[in-house]
Amino acid sequence: MHKTFLSLGALFGGIAVALGAFGAHGLKRIVSTDVVSVFQTGVQYQMYHTLALLVVAIVYERLPNKWIKWCGYLFSFGILFFSGSLYVITALKADEKSVPAFIGAITPVGGLLFILGWLSFFVGLFKRG
């Protein structure tokens, strides 16, 4: 399982760097500063939780239990929901389309997954197999 989380961390990290570079150089030409800020928030949270996912992989190898495993899943889905929804919002605004309400509602779900992931990590540090 730790290799899965390491692989996801590597993938999410590479994507975060590529998206961050795009946001810093190309995105500013096509959307407002406010939209760039939304996009940047997605990139930042993706990178923070990518690094956390790599830590989870290392901890899981040494302290395998369901709580640490769930933490890895929660961080991964949190990245997809939180950051992914912010990227979709940015893309829609860049295309001058309206953002459906359900997409905006996905962002806090991703944030909740991050919070649950951190709580799961905390509990998992004190549990055995």
Protein backbone atom coordinates (compact mmCIF):
# COMPACT_ATOMS: atom_id res chain seq x y z
CA MET A 1 0.00 0.00 0.00
CA HIS A 2 2.85 2.41 0.72
CA LYS A 3 3.98 2.12 -2.92
CA THR A 4 0.50 3.15 -4.06
CA PHE A 5 0.67 6.28 -1.95
CA LEU A 6 4.23 6.99 -3.09
CA SER A 7 3.14 6.60 -6.72
CA LEU A 8 0.13 8.86 -6.22
CA GLY A 9 2.36 11.40 -4.47
CA ALA A 10 4.80 11.40 -7.37
CA LEU A 11 1.99 11.77 -9.90
CA PHE A 12 0.15 14.50 -7.97
CA GLY A 13 3.44 16.31 -7.35
CA GLY A 14 4.38 16.38 -11.01
CA ILE A 15 0.93 17.59 -11.95
CA ALA A 16 1.08 20.31 -9.28
CA VAL A 17 4.39 21.61 -10.62
CA ALA A 18 3.12 21.64 -14.20
CA LEU A 19 -0.12 23.38 -13.23
CA GLY A 20 1.76 25.83 -11.04
CA ALA A 21 4.01 26.78 -13.94
CA PHE A 22 1.01 27.21 -16.20
CA GLY A 23 -0.71 29.36 -13.57
CA ALA A 24 2.35 31.54 -13.13
CA HIS A 25 3.05 32.06 -16.81
CA GLY A 26 0.11 31.31 -19.10
CA LEU A 27 -3.05 31.67 -17.06
CA LYS A 28 -2.52 35.34 -16.23
CA ARG A 29 -3.05 36.22 -19.88
CA ILE A 30 -6.50 34.69 -20.14
CA VAL A 31 -8.27 35.22 -16.79
CA SER A 32 -8.53 37.87 -14.07
CA THR A 33 -6.25 38.04 -11.05
CA ASP A 34 -9.07 36.73 -8.85
CA VAL A 35 -9.41 33.60 -10.98
CA VAL A 36 -5.63 33.08 -10.96
CA SER A 37 -5.82 33.25 -7.16
CA VAL A 38 -8.47 30.50 -7.11
CA PHE A 39 -6.30 28.36 -9.37
CA GLN A 40 -3.22 29.01 -7.22
CA THR A 41 -5.13 27.90 -4.12
CA GLY A 42 -5.84 24.60 -5.86
CA VAL A 43 -2.18 24.16 -6.75
CA GLN A 44 -1.01 25.02 -3.22
CA TYR A 45 -3.37 22.60 -1.52
CA GLN A 46 -2.51 19.92 -4.05
CA MET A 47 1.20 20.31 -3.32
CA TYR A 48 0.72 20.44 0.47
CA HIS A 49 -1.29 17.25 0.43
CA THR A 50 1.00 15.60 -2.11
CA LEU A 51 3.86 16.04 0.35
CA ALA A 52 1.61 14.82 3.16
CA LEU A 53 0.72 11.77 1.05
CA LEU A 54 4.42 10.96 0.70
CA VAL A 55 4.76 11.16 4.49
CA VAL A 56 1.73 8.89 4.85
CA ALA A 57 3.42 6.33 2.58
CA ILE A 58 6.56 6.34 4.73
CA VAL A 59 4.59 6.12 7.96
CA TYR A 60 2.36 3.35 6.60
CA GLU A 61 5.41 1.27 5.75
CA ARG A 62 6.55 1.47 9.38
CA LEU A 63 3.17 1.64 11.12
CA PRO A 64 0.60 -0.07 8.91
CA ASN A 65 -2.97 0.28 10.11
CA LYS A 66 -6.36 1.13 8.66
CA TRP A 67 -6.27 4.72 9.93
CA ILE A 68 -3.06 5.58 8.10
CA LYS A 69 -4.36 3.77 5.01
CA TRP A 70 -7.61 5.78 5.13
CA CYS A 71 -5.57 8.94 5.53
CA GLY A 72 -3.86 8.24 2.21
CA TYR A 73 -7.20 7.68 0.50
CA LEU A 74 -8.74 10.78 2.06
CA PHE A 75 -5.80 12.97 1.00
CA SER A 76 -5.94 11.55 -2.54
CA PHE A 77 -9.66 12.13 -2.94
CA GLY A 78 -9.33 15.49 -1.21
CA ILE A 79 -6.86 16.55 -3.89
CA LEU A 80 -9.20 15.40 -6.64
CA PHE A 81 -12.27 17.09 -5.15
CA PHE A 82 -10.78 20.28 -3.69
CA SER A 83 -8.07 21.14 -6.18
CA GLY A 84 -9.86 19.50 -9.10
CA SER A 85 -13.00 21.57 -8.55
CA LEU A 86 -10.93 24.77 -8.41
CA TYR A 87 -9.27 23.82 -11.70
CA VAL A 88 -12.66 23.18 -13.29
CA ILE A 89 -13.95 26.54 -12.02
CA THR A 90 -10.90 28.24 -13.52
CA ALA A 91 -11.35 26.47 -16.85
CA LEU A 92 -15.01 27.45 -17.03
CA LYS A 93 -14.23 31.07 -16.22
CA ALA A 94 -11.42 31.11 -18.78
CA ASP A 95 -13.95 29.94 -21.35
CA GLU A 96 -16.36 32.61 -20.08
CA LYS A 97 -18.94 30.03 -19.04
CA SER A 98 -21.00 30.07 -15.88
CA VAL A 99 -19.98 27.78 -13.05
CA PRO A 100 -22.71 25.31 -12.06
CA ALA A 101 -23.53 25.43 -8.35
CA PHE A 102 -22.70 21.76 -7.85
CA ILE A 103 -19.08 22.34 -8.88
CA GLY A 104 -18.68 25.04 -6.24
CA ALA A 105 -20.19 22.63 -3.71
CA ILE A 106 -17.51 20.01 -4.46
CA THR A 107 -14.72 22.25 -3.13
CA PRO A 108 -15.78 22.13 0.55
CA VAL A 109 -16.28 18.37 0.27
CA GLY A 110 -12.62 18.13 -0.74
CA GLY A 111 -11.70 20.36 2.21
CA LEU A 112 -13.64 18.06 4.53
CA LEU A 113 -11.76 15.07 3.11
CA PHE A 114 -8.48 16.84 3.92
CA ILE A 115 -9.61 17.48 7.50
CA LEU A 116 -10.75 13.88 7.91
CA GLY A 117 -7.43 12.73 6.48
CA TRP A 118 -5.49 14.71 9.08
CA LEU A 119 -7.70 13.36 11.88
CA SER A 120 -7.25 9.83 10.54
CA PHE A 121 -3.49 10.34 10.45
CA PHE A 122 -3.52 11.52 14.06
CA VAL A 123 -5.52 8.50 15.24
CA GLY A 124 -3.40 6.14 13.14
CA LEU A 125 -0.21 7.27 14.84
CA PHE A 126 -1.47 5.71 18.08
CA LYS A 127 -2.90 2.47 16.70
CA ARG A 128 -1.23 -0.82 15.92
CA GLY A 129 -1.95 -2.99 12.85
